[in-house]
Amino acid sequence: MKTAALTQEATSIAFAIPDLLLAQSWALFHDLRMVVELDHYGDADQFEEALAFYRPNSRSRRWLIWRNPASVIVQPGIGRSMRFDCLAAALDCLIPCAAGQVTDLCCEPARGCWPD
């Protein structure tokens, strides 16, 4: 008995090797664990490759990052997704937001990093 193959097309593309090295170095510097999830499935999307970042000794994901031909998308564990032109800009905006000015339970993103 044959099983039906998934025919849904991926909504993302893989990261370049230099981007993966950058993400891995960034994660190590910020004491995070990076996992490359291949053929990741979201709510209604299929991702060819997604980068998941976890806190040490935690099973809950802090961020999920994937890219499409036009942008890099960051989905935090809680909150709205954000779009960036490149992975470097996305990573630059993540940790500095945590050190940003807190106003009314919101962190003001650094350098124009606003959610969609």
PDB file of N, CA and C in Angstrom:
ATOM      1  N   MET A   1       0.842  -1.179   0.000  1.00  0.00           N
ATOM      2  CA  MET A   1       0.000   0.000   0.000  1.00  0.00           C
ATOM      3  C   MET A   1       0.889   1.245   0.000  1.00  0.00           C
ATOM      4  N   LYS A   2       0.664   2.117  -0.933  1.00  0.00           N
ATOM      5  CA  LYS A   2       1.453   3.346  -1.035  1.00  0.00           C
ATOM      6  C   LYS A   2       0.745   4.471  -0.304  1.00  0.00           C
ATOM      7  N   THR A   3       1.554   5.338   0.301  1.00  0.00           N
ATOM      8  CA  THR A   3       0.976   6.511   0.957  1.00  0.00           C
ATOM      9  C   THR A   3       1.033   7.684  -0.011  1.00  0.00           C
ATOM     10  N   ALA A   4       0.071   8.560   0.116  1.00  0.00           N
ATOM     11  CA  ALA A   4       0.007   9.723  -0.766  1.00  0.00           C
ATOM     12  C   ALA A   4       1.116  10.704  -0.401  1.00  0.00           C
ATOM     13  N   ALA A   5       1.825  11.183  -1.390  1.00  0.00           N
ATOM     14  CA  ALA A   5       2.896  12.164  -1.160  1.00  0.00           C
ATOM     15  C   ALA A   5       2.292  13.544  -0.993  1.00  0.00           C
ATOM     16  N   LEU A   6       2.942  14.343  -0.148  1.00  0.00           N
ATOM     17  CA  LEU A   6       2.475  15.717   0.024  1.00  0.00           C
ATOM     18  C   LEU A   6       2.806  16.519  -1.226  1.00  0.00           C
ATOM     19  N   THR A   7       1.817  17.208  -1.745  1.00  0.00           N
ATOM     20  CA  THR A   7       2.029  17.985  -2.964  1.00  0.00           C
ATOM     21  C   THR A   7       1.999  19.478  -2.681  1.00  0.00           C
ATOM     22  N   GLN A   8       1.788  19.851  -1.436  1.00  0.00           N
ATOM     23  CA  GLN A   8       1.768  21.259  -1.093  1.00  0.00           C
ATOM     24  C   GLN A   8       3.145  21.859  -1.346  1.00  0.00           C
ATOM     25  N   GLU A   9       3.182  23.012  -1.995  1.00  0.00           N
ATOM     26  CA  GLU A   9       4.449  23.635  -2.306  1.00  0.00           C
ATOM     27  C   GLU A   9       4.954  24.469  -1.139  1.00  0.00           C
ATOM     28  N   ALA A  10       6.240  24.462  -0.935  1.00  0.00           N
ATOM     29  CA  ALA A  10       6.847  25.209   0.171  1.00  0.00           C
ATOM     30  C   ALA A  10       6.644  26.704  -0.037  1.00  0.00           C
ATOM     31  N   THR A  11       6.359  27.408   1.073  1.00  0.00           N
ATOM     32  CA  THR A  11       6.165  28.854   1.002  1.00  0.00           C
ATOM     33  C   THR A  11       7.430  29.600   1.396  1.00  0.00           C
ATOM     34  N   SER A  12       8.511  28.877   1.580  1.00  0.00           N
ATOM     35  CA  SER A  12       9.771  29.523   1.933  1.00  0.00           C
ATOM     36  C   SER A  12      10.904  28.891   1.142  1.00  0.00           C
ATOM     37  N   ILE A  13      12.073  29.523   1.249  1.00  0.00           N
ATOM     38  CA  ILE A  13      13.259  28.980   0.597  1.00  0.00           C
ATOM     39  C   ILE A  13      14.354  28.814   1.649  1.00  0.00           C
ATOM     40  N   ALA A  14      15.354  28.032   1.320  1.00  0.00           N
ATOM     41  CA  ALA A  14      16.444  27.755   2.261  1.00  0.00           C
ATOM     42  C   ALA A  14      17.350  28.975   2.420  1.00  0.00           C
ATOM     43  N   PHE A  15      18.020  29.028   3.555  1.00  0.00           N
ATOM     44  CA  PHE A  15      18.996  30.084   3.812  1.00  0.00           C
ATOM     45  C   PHE A  15      20.321  29.732   3.148  1.00  0.00           C
ATOM     46  N   ALA A  16      21.071  30.751   2.778  1.00  0.00           N
ATOM     47  CA  ALA A  16      22.422  30.558   2.247  1.00  0.00           C
ATOM     48  C   ALA A  16      23.341  30.140   3.397  1.00  0.00           C
ATOM     49  N   ILE A  17      24.408  29.430   3.086  1.00  0.00           N
ATOM     50  CA  ILE A  17      25.356  28.963   4.098  1.00  0.00           C
ATOM     51  C   ILE A  17      25.906  30.120   4.950  1.00  0.00           C
ATOM     52  N   PRO A  18      26.309  31.260   4.357  1.00  0.00           N
ATOM     53  CA  PRO A  18      26.779  32.368   5.200  1.00  0.00           C
ATOM     54  C   PRO A  18      25.714  32.852   6.190  1.00  0.00           C
ATOM     55  N   ASP A  19      24.450  32.836   5.790  1.00  0.00           N
ATOM     56  CA  ASP A  19      23.369  33.226   6.713  1.00  0.00           C
ATOM     57  C   ASP A  19      23.244  32.223   7.854  1.00  0.00           C
ATOM     58  N   LEU A  20      23.375  30.937   7.549  1.00  0.00           N
ATOM     59  CA  LEU A  20      23.306  29.919   8.599  1.00  0.00           C
ATOM     60  C   LEU A  20      24.459  30.064   9.591  1.00  0.00           C
ATOM     61  N   LEU A  21      25.641  30.357   9.083  1.00  0.00           N
ATOM     62  CA  LEU A  21      26.789  30.571   9.966  1.00  0.00           C
ATOM     63  C   LEU A  21      26.599  31.813  10.834  1.00  0.00           C
ATOM     64  N   LEU A  22      26.052  32.867  10.244  1.00  0.00           N
ATOM     65  CA  LEU A  22      25.761  34.083  10.999  1.00  0.00           C
ATOM     66  C   LEU A  22      24.755  33.786  12.105  1.00  0.00           C
ATOM     67  N   ALA A  23      23.680  33.088  11.780  1.00  0.00           N
ATOM     68  CA  ALA A  23      22.641  32.771  12.764  1.00  0.00           C
ATOM     69  C   ALA A  23      23.197  31.892  13.882  1.00  0.00           C
ATOM     70  N   GLN A  24      24.029  30.933  13.525  1.00  0.00           N
ATOM     71  CA  GLN A  24      24.610  30.048  14.531  1.00  0.00           C
ATOM     72  C   GLN A  24      25.530  30.833  15.475  1.00  0.00           C
ATOM     73  N   SER A  25      26.360  31.698  14.930  1.00  0.00           N
ATOM     74  CA  SER A  25      27.258  32.522  15.756  1.00  0.00           C
ATOM     75  C   SER A  25      26.468  33.461  16.650  1.00  0.00           C
ATOM     76  N   TRP A  26      25.416  34.053  16.100  1.00  0.00           N
ATOM     77  CA  TRP A  26      24.565  34.967  16.862  1.00  0.00           C
ATOM     78  C   TRP A  26      23.908  34.225  18.024  1.00  0.00           C
ATOM     79  N   ALA A  27      23.408  33.024  17.763  1.00  0.00           N
ATOM     80  CA  ALA A  27      22.752  32.230  18.805  1.00  0.00           C
ATOM     81  C   ALA A  27      23.737  31.877  19.919  1.00  0.00           C
ATOM     82  N   LEU A  28      24.941  31.457  19.551  1.00  0.00           N
ATOM     83  CA  LEU A  28      25.949  31.125  20.559  1.00  0.00           C
ATOM     84  C   LEU A  28      26.314  32.337  21.403  1.00  0.00           C
ATOM     85  N   PHE A  29      26.449  33.483  20.756  1.00  0.00           N
ATOM     86  CA  PHE A  29      26.806  34.711  21.464  1.00  0.00           C
ATOM     87  C   PHE A  29      25.733  35.091  22.479  1.00  0.00           C
ATOM     88  N   HIS A  30      24.457  34.867  22.123  1.00  0.00           N
ATOM     89  CA  HIS A  30      23.334  35.252  22.990  1.00  0.00           C
ATOM     90  C   HIS A  30      22.837  34.085  23.849  1.00  0.00           C
ATOM     91  N   ASP A  31      23.639  33.026  23.936  1.00  0.00           N
ATOM     92  CA  ASP A  31      23.314  31.873  24.776  1.00  0.00           C
ATOM     93  C   ASP A  31      21.949  31.270  24.414  1.00  0.00           C
ATOM     94  N   LEU A  32      21.730  31.082  23.123  1.00  0.00           N
ATOM     95  CA  LEU A  32      20.520  30.447  22.616  1.00  0.00           C
ATOM     96  C   LEU A  32      20.902  29.181  21.857  1.00  0.00           C
ATOM     97  N   ARG A  33      19.954  28.291  21.716  1.00  0.00           N
ATOM     98  CA  ARG A  33      20.153  27.069  20.931  1.00  0.00           C
ATOM     99  C   ARG A  33      19.420  27.245  19.612  1.00  0.00           C
ATOM    100  N   MET A  34      20.132  27.068  18.500  1.00  0.00           N
ATOM    101  CA  MET A  34      19.526  27.183  17.180  1.00  0.00           C
ATOM    102  C   MET A  34      19.312  25.788  16.598  1.00  0.00           C
ATOM    103  N   VAL A  35      18.133  25.570  16.049  1.00  0.00           N
ATOM    104  CA  VAL A  35      17.802  24.312  15.403  1.00  0.00           C
ATOM    105  C   VAL A  35      17.320  24.620  13.991  1.00  0.00           C
ATOM    106  N   VAL A  36      17.903  23.947  13.007  1.00  0.00           N
ATOM    107  CA  VAL A  36      17.430  24.096  11.624  1.00  0.00           C
ATOM    108  C   VAL A  36      16.348  23.046  11.416  1.00  0.00           C
ATOM    109  N   GLU A  37      15.130  23.507  11.204  1.00  0.00           N
ATOM    110  CA  GLU A  37      14.006  22.600  10.998  1.00  0.00           C
ATOM    111  C   GLU A  37      13.738  22.490   9.505  1.00  0.00           C
ATOM    112  N   LEU A  38      13.934  21.307   8.966  1.00  0.00           N
ATOM    113  CA  LEU A  38      13.698  21.063   7.551  1.00  0.00           C
ATOM    114  C   LEU A  38      12.280  20.553   7.346  1.00  0.00           C
ATOM    115  N   ASP A  39      11.669  20.977   6.251  1.00  0.00           N
ATOM    116  CA  ASP A  39      10.295  20.581   5.936  1.00  0.00           C
ATOM    117  C   ASP A  39       9.374  20.821   7.123  1.00  0.00           C
ATOM    118  N   HIS A  40       9.454  22.025   7.682  1.00  0.00           N
ATOM    119  CA  HIS A  40       8.641  22.421   8.838  1.00  0.00           C
ATOM    120  C   HIS A  40       7.236  22.774   8.357  1.00  0.00           C
ATOM    121  N   TYR A  41       6.237  22.371   9.126  1.00  0.00           N
ATOM    122  CA  TYR A  41       4.853  22.684   8.783  1.00  0.00           C
ATOM    123  C   TYR A  41       4.272  23.619   9.819  1.00  0.00           C
ATOM    124  N   GLY A  42       3.681  24.719   9.352  1.00  0.00           N
ATOM    125  CA  GLY A  42       3.000  25.659  10.234  1.00  0.00           C
ATOM    126  C   GLY A  42       1.508  25.457  10.112  1.00  0.00           C
ATOM    127  N   ASP A  43       0.729  26.493  10.453  1.00  0.00           N
ATOM    128  CA  ASP A  43      -0.728  26.388  10.408  1.00  0.00           C
ATOM    129  C   ASP A  43      -1.218  25.938   9.039  1.00  0.00           C
ATOM    130  N   ALA A  44      -0.900  26.703   8.019  1.00  0.00           N
ATOM    131  CA  ALA A  44      -1.344  26.346   6.674  1.00  0.00           C
ATOM    132  C   ALA A  44      -0.190  26.389   5.685  1.00  0.00           C
ATOM    133  N   ASP A  45       1.016  26.501   6.201  1.00  0.00           N
ATOM    134  CA  ASP A  45       2.178  26.668   5.340  1.00  0.00           C
ATOM    135  C   ASP A  45       3.168  25.522   5.519  1.00  0.00           C
ATOM    136  N   GLN A  46       3.944  25.326   4.483  1.00  0.00           N
ATOM    137  CA  GLN A  46       5.050  24.379   4.554  1.00  0.00           C
ATOM    138  C   GLN A  46       6.319  25.178   4.304  1.00  0.00           C
ATOM    139  N   PHE A  47       7.303  25.016   5.200  1.00  0.00           N
ATOM    140  CA  PHE A  47       8.555  25.739   5.072  1.00  0.00           C
ATOM    141  C   PHE A  47       9.652  24.768   4.675  1.00  0.00           C
ATOM    142  N   GLU A  48      10.389  25.106   3.636  1.00  0.00           N
ATOM    143  CA  GLU A  48      11.512  24.272   3.224  1.00  0.00           C
ATOM    144  C   GLU A  48      12.544  24.200   4.334  1.00  0.00           C
ATOM    145  N   GLU A  49      12.773  25.348   4.964  1.00  0.00           N
ATOM    146  CA  GLU A  49      13.759  25.416   6.044  1.00  0.00           C
ATOM    147  C   GLU A  49      13.368  26.562   6.967  1.00  0.00           C
ATOM    148  N   ALA A  50      13.404  26.316   8.250  1.00  0.00           N
ATOM    149  CA  ALA A  50      13.127  27.353   9.240  1.00  0.00           C
ATOM    150  C   ALA A  50      14.171  27.247  10.341  1.00  0.00           C
ATOM    151  N   LEU A  51      14.537  28.391  10.894  1.00  0.00           N
ATOM    152  CA  LEU A  51      15.492  28.431  12.003  1.00  0.00           C
ATOM    153  C   LEU A  51      14.708  28.669  13.278  1.00  0.00           C
ATOM    154  N   ALA A  52      14.850  27.767  14.233  1.00  0.00           N
ATOM    155  CA  ALA A  52      14.171  27.899  15.521  1.00  0.00           C
ATOM    156  C   ALA A  52      15.218  28.209  16.584  1.00  0.00           C
ATOM    157  N   PHE A  53      14.904  29.168  17.436  1.00  0.00           N
ATOM    158  CA  PHE A  53      15.808  29.570  18.510  1.00  0.00           C
ATOM    159  C   PHE A  53      15.138  29.306  19.849  1.00  0.00           C
ATOM    160  N   TYR A  54      15.880  28.632  20.738  1.00  0.00           N
ATOM    161  CA  TYR A  54      15.369  28.241  22.044  1.00  0.00           C
ATOM    162  C   TYR A  54      16.269  28.782  23.142  1.00  0.00           C
ATOM    163  N   ARG A  55      15.671  29.084  24.293  1.00  0.00           N
ATOM    164  CA  ARG A  55      16.462  29.421  25.472  1.00  0.00           C
ATOM    165  C   ARG A  55      17.139  28.148  25.960  1.00  0.00           C
ATOM    166  N   PRO A  56      18.239  28.291  26.690  1.00  0.00           N
ATOM    167  CA  PRO A  56      18.898  27.090  27.216  1.00  0.00           C
ATOM    168  C   PRO A  56      17.944  26.292  28.115  1.00  0.00           C
ATOM    169  N   ASN A  57      17.976  24.990  27.979  1.00  0.00           N
ATOM    170  CA  ASN A  57      17.164  24.087  28.804  1.00  0.00           C
ATOM    171  C   ASN A  57      15.665  24.371  28.718  1.00  0.00           C
ATOM    172  N   SER A  58      15.203  24.844  27.567  1.00  0.00           N
ATOM    173  CA  SER A  58      13.785  25.133  27.388  1.00  0.00           C
ATOM    174  C   SER A  58      13.274  24.446  26.129  1.00  0.00           C
ATOM    175  N   ARG A  59      12.050  23.992  26.187  1.00  0.00           N
ATOM    176  CA  ARG A  59      11.427  23.376  25.016  1.00  0.00           C
ATOM    177  C   ARG A  59      10.562  24.374  24.256  1.00  0.00           C
ATOM    178  N   SER A  60      10.319  25.535  24.866  1.00  0.00           N
ATOM    179  CA  SER A  60       9.486  26.522  24.172  1.00  0.00           C
ATOM    180  C   SER A  60      10.358  27.380  23.261  1.00  0.00           C
ATOM    181  N   ARG A  61       9.894  27.547  22.048  1.00  0.00           N
ATOM    182  CA  ARG A  61      10.638  28.280  21.038  1.00  0.00           C
ATOM    183  C   ARG A  61      10.527  29.775  21.294  1.00  0.00           C
ATOM    184  N   ARG A  62      11.650  30.464  21.200  1.00  0.00           N
ATOM    185  CA  ARG A  62      11.645  31.924  21.365  1.00  0.00           C
ATOM    186  C   ARG A  62      11.312  32.608  20.042  1.00  0.00           C
ATOM    187  N   TRP A  63      11.951  32.167  18.965  1.00  0.00           N
ATOM    188  CA  TRP A  63      11.682  32.709  17.634  1.00  0.00           C
ATOM    189  C   TRP A  63      11.743  31.608  16.593  1.00  0.00           C
ATOM    190  N   LEU A  64      10.967  31.770  15.544  1.00  0.00           N
ATOM    191  CA  LEU A  64      11.058  30.938  14.354  1.00  0.00           C
ATOM    192  C   LEU A  64      11.306  31.891  13.191  1.00  0.00           C
ATOM    193  N   ILE A  65      12.354  31.627  12.418  1.00  0.00           N
ATOM    194  CA  ILE A  65      12.720  32.520  11.310  1.00  0.00           C
ATOM    195  C   ILE A  65      12.753  31.719  10.021  1.00  0.00           C
ATOM    196  N   TRP A  66      12.123  32.246   8.991  1.00  0.00           N
ATOM    197  CA  TRP A  66      12.186  31.642   7.661  1.00  0.00           C
ATOM    198  C   TRP A  66      12.279  32.750   6.636  1.00  0.00           C
ATOM    199  N   ARG A  67      12.539  32.387   5.397  1.00  0.00           N
ATOM    200  CA  ARG A  67      12.632  33.415   4.368  1.00  0.00           C
ATOM    201  C   ARG A  67      11.858  32.989   3.139  1.00  0.00           C
ATOM    202  N   ASN A  68      11.422  33.992   2.420  1.00  0.00           N
ATOM    203  CA  ASN A  68      10.824  33.779   1.106  1.00  0.00           C
ATOM    204  C   ASN A  68      11.655  34.595   0.124  1.00  0.00           C
ATOM    205  N   PRO A  69      11.328  34.580  -1.152  1.00  0.00           N
ATOM    206  CA  PRO A  69      12.169  35.319  -2.105  1.00  0.00           C
ATOM    207  C   PRO A  69      12.263  36.824  -1.832  1.00  0.00           C
ATOM    208  N   ALA A  70      11.304  37.395  -1.106  1.00  0.00           N
ATOM    209  CA  ALA A  70      11.286  38.841  -0.912  1.00  0.00           C
ATOM    210  C   ALA A  70      11.784  39.297   0.455  1.00  0.00           C
ATOM    211  N   SER A  71      11.691  38.462   1.488  1.00  0.00           N
ATOM    212  CA  SER A  71      12.034  38.943   2.826  1.00  0.00           C
ATOM    213  C   SER A  71      12.333  37.797   3.788  1.00  0.00           C
ATOM    214  N   VAL A  72      12.765  38.189   4.984  1.00  0.00           N
ATOM    215  CA  VAL A  72      12.979  37.259   6.092  1.00  0.00           C
ATOM    216  C   VAL A  72      11.879  37.534   7.109  1.00  0.00           C
ATOM    217  N   ILE A  73      11.209  36.488   7.575  1.00  0.00           N
ATOM    218  CA  ILE A  73      10.092  36.632   8.498  1.00  0.00           C
ATOM    219  C   ILE A  73      10.489  36.040   9.843  1.00  0.00           C
ATOM    220  N   VAL A  74      10.222  36.799  10.911  1.00  0.00           N
ATOM    221  CA  VAL A  74      10.490  36.355  12.274  1.00  0.00           C
ATOM    222  C   VAL A  74       9.149  36.218  12.989  1.00  0.00           C
ATOM    223  N   GLN A  75       8.891  35.030  13.508  1.00  0.00           N
ATOM    224  CA  GLN A  75       7.692  34.794  14.307  1.00  0.00           C
ATOM    225  C   GLN A  75       8.121  34.537  15.744  1.00  0.00           C
ATOM    226  N   PRO A  76       7.830  35.489  16.653  1.00  0.00           N
ATOM    227  CA  PRO A  76       8.189  35.249  18.048  1.00  0.00           C
ATOM    228  C   PRO A  76       7.283  34.172  18.650  1.00  0.00           C
ATOM    229  N   GLY A  77       7.696  33.627  19.793  1.00  0.00           N
ATOM    230  CA  GLY A  77       6.876  32.636  20.479  1.00  0.00           C
ATOM    231  C   GLY A  77       5.501  33.187  20.803  1.00  0.00           C
ATOM    232  N   ILE A  78       5.449  34.444  21.179  1.00  0.00           N
ATOM    233  CA  ILE A  78       4.190  35.144  21.434  1.00  0.00           C
ATOM    234  C   ILE A  78       4.270  36.478  20.715  1.00  0.00           C
ATOM    235  N   GLY A  79       3.279  36.774  19.909  1.00  0.00           N
ATOM    236  CA  GLY A  79       3.262  38.065  19.227  1.00  0.00           C
ATOM    237  C   GLY A  79       3.137  37.934  17.727  1.00  0.00           C
ATOM    238  N   ARG A  80       3.189  39.069  17.081  1.00  0.00           N
ATOM    239  CA  ARG A  80       3.006  39.134  15.636  1.00  0.00           C
ATOM    240  C   ARG A  80       4.331  38.956  14.909  1.00  0.00           C
ATOM    241  N   SER A  81       4.238  38.447  13.694  1.00  0.00           N
ATOM    242  CA  SER A  81       5.450  38.265  12.898  1.00  0.00           C
ATOM    243  C   SER A  81       5.973  39.605  12.402  1.00  0.00           C
ATOM    244  N   MET A  82       7.281  39.613  12.116  1.00  0.00           N
ATOM    245  CA  MET A  82       7.939  40.820  11.613  1.00  0.00           C
ATOM    246  C   MET A  82       8.690  40.452  10.343  1.00  0.00           C
ATOM    247  N   ARG A  83       8.756  41.394   9.400  1.00  0.00           N
ATOM    248  CA  ARG A  83       9.464  41.170   8.133  1.00  0.00           C
ATOM    249  C   ARG A  83      10.699  42.052   8.062  1.00  0.00           C
ATOM    250  N   PHE A  84      11.760  41.486   7.463  1.00  0.00           N
ATOM    251  CA  PHE A  84      13.020  42.204   7.312  1.00  0.00           C
ATOM    252  C   PHE A  84      13.576  41.951   5.920  1.00  0.00           C
ATOM    253  N   ASP A  85      14.480  42.833   5.493  1.00  0.00           N
ATOM    254  CA  ASP A  85      15.106  42.678   4.185  1.00  0.00           C
ATOM    255  C   ASP A  85      16.125  41.546   4.157  1.00  0.00           C
ATOM    256  N   CYS A  86      16.777  41.302   5.285  1.00  0.00           N
ATOM    257  CA  CYS A  86      17.811  40.258   5.327  1.00  0.00           C
ATOM    258  C   CYS A  86      17.894  39.681   6.731  1.00  0.00           C
ATOM    259  N   LEU A  87      18.559  38.553   6.856  1.00  0.00           N
ATOM    260  CA  LEU A  87      18.694  37.889   8.154  1.00  0.00           C
ATOM    261  C   LEU A  87      19.474  38.750   9.140  1.00  0.00           C
ATOM    262  N   ALA A  88      20.520  39.420   8.686  1.00  0.00           N
ATOM    263  CA  ALA A  88      21.322  40.264   9.578  1.00  0.00           C
ATOM    264  C   ALA A  88      20.467  41.347  10.232  1.00  0.00           C
ATOM    265  N   ALA A  89      19.574  41.965   9.473  1.00  0.00           N
ATOM    266  CA  ALA A  89      18.693  42.997  10.032  1.00  0.00           C
ATOM    267  C   ALA A  89      17.725  42.397  11.043  1.00  0.00           C
ATOM    268  N   ALA A  90      17.237  41.201  10.761  1.00  0.00           N
ATOM    269  CA  ALA A  90      16.314  40.530  11.683  1.00  0.00           C
ATOM    270  C   ALA A  90      17.014  40.221  13.010  1.00  0.00           C
ATOM    271  N   LEU A  91      18.193  39.637  12.941  1.00  0.00           N
ATOM    272  CA  LEU A  91      18.921  39.278  14.149  1.00  0.00           C
ATOM    273  C   LEU A  91      19.319  40.519  14.945  1.00  0.00           C
ATOM    274  N   ASP A  92      19.674  41.575  14.240  1.00  0.00           N
ATOM    275  CA  ASP A  92      20.065  42.824  14.890  1.00  0.00           C
ATOM    276  C   ASP A  92      18.919  43.413  15.701  1.00  0.00           C
ATOM    277  N   CYS A  93      17.715  43.135  15.293  1.00  0.00           N
ATOM    278  CA  CYS A  93      16.546  43.726  15.941  1.00  0.00           C
ATOM    279  C   CYS A  93      16.001  42.885  17.097  1.00  0.00           C
ATOM    280  N   LEU A  94      16.382  41.635  17.207  1.00  0.00           N
ATOM    281  CA  LEU A  94      15.765  40.765  18.204  1.00  0.00           C
ATOM    282  C   LEU A  94      16.235  41.023  19.629  1.00  0.00           C
ATOM    283  N   ILE A  95      17.470  40.798  19.929  1.00  0.00           N
ATOM    284  CA  ILE A  95      17.966  40.962  21.294  1.00  0.00           C
ATOM    285  C   ILE A  95      17.936  42.430  21.740  1.00  0.00           C
ATOM    286  N   PRO A  96      18.306  43.415  20.889  1.00  0.00           N
ATOM    287  CA  PRO A  96      18.231  44.803  21.344  1.00  0.00           C
ATOM    288  C   PRO A  96      16.828  45.212  21.780  1.00  0.00           C
ATOM    289  N   CYS A  97      15.794  44.583  21.219  1.00  0.00           N
ATOM    290  CA  CYS A  97      14.432  44.912  21.641  1.00  0.00           C
ATOM    291  C   CYS A  97      14.237  44.578  23.114  1.00  0.00           C
ATOM    292  N   ALA A  98      14.861  43.503  23.577  1.00  0.00           N
ATOM    293  CA  ALA A  98      14.721  43.110  24.969  1.00  0.00           C
ATOM    294  C   ALA A  98      15.362  44.143  25.894  1.00  0.00           C
ATOM    295  N   ALA A  99      16.359  44.853  25.412  1.00  0.00           N
ATOM    296  CA  ALA A  99      17.029  45.857  26.226  1.00  0.00           C
ATOM    297  C   ALA A  99      16.479  47.254  25.952  1.00  0.00           C
ATOM    298  N   GLY A 100      15.460  47.338  25.119  1.00  0.00           N
ATOM    299  CA  GLY A 100      14.890  48.631  24.760  1.00  0.00           C
ATOM    300  C   GLY A 100      14.093  49.225  25.900  1.00  0.00           C
ATOM    301  N   GLN A 101      13.518  50.365  25.652  1.00  0.00           N
ATOM    302  CA  GLN A 101      12.736  51.051  26.662  1.00  0.00           C
ATOM    303  C   GLN A 101      11.367  50.384  26.765  1.00  0.00           C
ATOM    304  N   VAL A 102      10.984  50.003  27.955  1.00  0.00           N
ATOM    305  CA  VAL A 102       9.703  49.340  28.172  1.00  0.00           C
ATOM    306  C   VAL A 102       8.661  50.394  28.513  1.00  0.00           C
ATOM    307  N   THR A 103       7.571  50.417  27.756  1.00  0.00           N
ATOM    308  CA  THR A 103       6.471  51.341  28.018  1.00  0.00           C
ATOM    309  C   THR A 103       5.164  50.578  27.919  1.00  0.00           C
ATOM    310  N   ASP A 104       4.403  50.568  28.966  1.00  0.00           N
ATOM    311  CA  ASP A 104       3.089  49.931  29.007  1.00  0.00           C
ATOM    312  C   ASP A 104       3.144  48.480  28.539  1.00  0.00           C
ATOM    313  N   LEU A 105       4.075  47.705  29.111  1.00  0.00           N
ATOM    314  CA  LEU A 105       4.242  46.284  28.820  1.00  0.00           C
ATOM    315  C   LEU A 105       4.638  46.003  27.379  1.00  0.00           C
ATOM    316  N   CYS A 106       5.139  47.007  26.682  1.00  0.00           N
ATOM    317  CA  CYS A 106       5.605  46.820  25.310  1.00  0.00           C
ATOM    318  C   CYS A 106       7.067  47.236  25.230  1.00  0.00           C
ATOM    319  N   CYS A 107       7.781  46.551  24.401  1.00  0.00           N
ATOM    320  CA  CYS A 107       9.168  46.912  24.166  1.00  0.00           C
ATOM    321  C   CYS A 107       9.215  47.694  22.864  1.00  0.00           C
ATOM    322  N   GLU A 108       9.779  48.861  22.892  1.00  0.00           N
ATOM    323  CA  GLU A 108       9.893  49.644  21.673  1.00  0.00           C
ATOM    324  C   GLU A 108      11.033  49.112  20.849  1.00  0.00           C
ATOM    325  N   PRO A 109      10.758  48.608  19.652  1.00  0.00           N
ATOM    326  CA  PRO A 109      11.813  48.011  18.809  1.00  0.00           C
ATOM    327  C   PRO A 109      12.878  49.031  18.430  1.00  0.00           C
ATOM    328  N   ALA A 110      14.071  48.520  18.311  1.00  0.00           N
ATOM    329  CA  ALA A 110      15.191  49.365  17.931  1.00  0.00           C
ATOM    330  C   ALA A 110      15.245  49.553  16.418  1.00  0.00           C
ATOM    331  N   ARG A 111      15.673  50.700  15.983  1.00  0.00           N
ATOM    332  CA  ARG A 111      15.934  51.000  14.581  1.00  0.00           C
ATOM    333  C   ARG A 111      14.795  50.619  13.637  1.00  0.00           C
ATOM    334  N   GLY A 112      13.583  50.948  13.961  1.00  0.00           N
ATOM    335  CA  GLY A 112      12.462  50.757  13.037  1.00  0.00           C
ATOM    336  C   GLY A 112      12.065  49.310  12.802  1.00  0.00           C
ATOM    337  N   CYS A 113      12.275  48.427  13.745  1.00  0.00           N
ATOM    338  CA  CYS A 113      11.888  47.031  13.594  1.00  0.00           C
ATOM    339  C   CYS A 113      10.462  46.873  14.088  1.00  0.00           C
ATOM    340  N   TRP A 114       9.528  47.046  13.234  1.00  0.00           N
ATOM    341  CA  TRP A 114       8.117  46.994  13.633  1.00  0.00           C
ATOM    342  C   TRP A 114       7.457  45.757  13.059  1.00  0.00           C
ATOM    343  N   PRO A 115       6.472  45.214  13.770  1.00  0.00           N
ATOM    344  CA  PRO A 115       5.742  44.046  13.256  1.00  0.00           C
ATOM    345  C   PRO A 115       4.910  44.395  12.039  1.00  0.00           C
ATOM    346  N   ASP A 116       4.534  43.346  11.309  1.00  0.00           N
ATOM    347  CA  ASP A 116       3.665  43.546  10.130  1.00  0.00           C
ATOM    348  C   ASP A 116       2.324  44.094  10.544  1.00  0.00           C
TER     349      ASP A 116
END
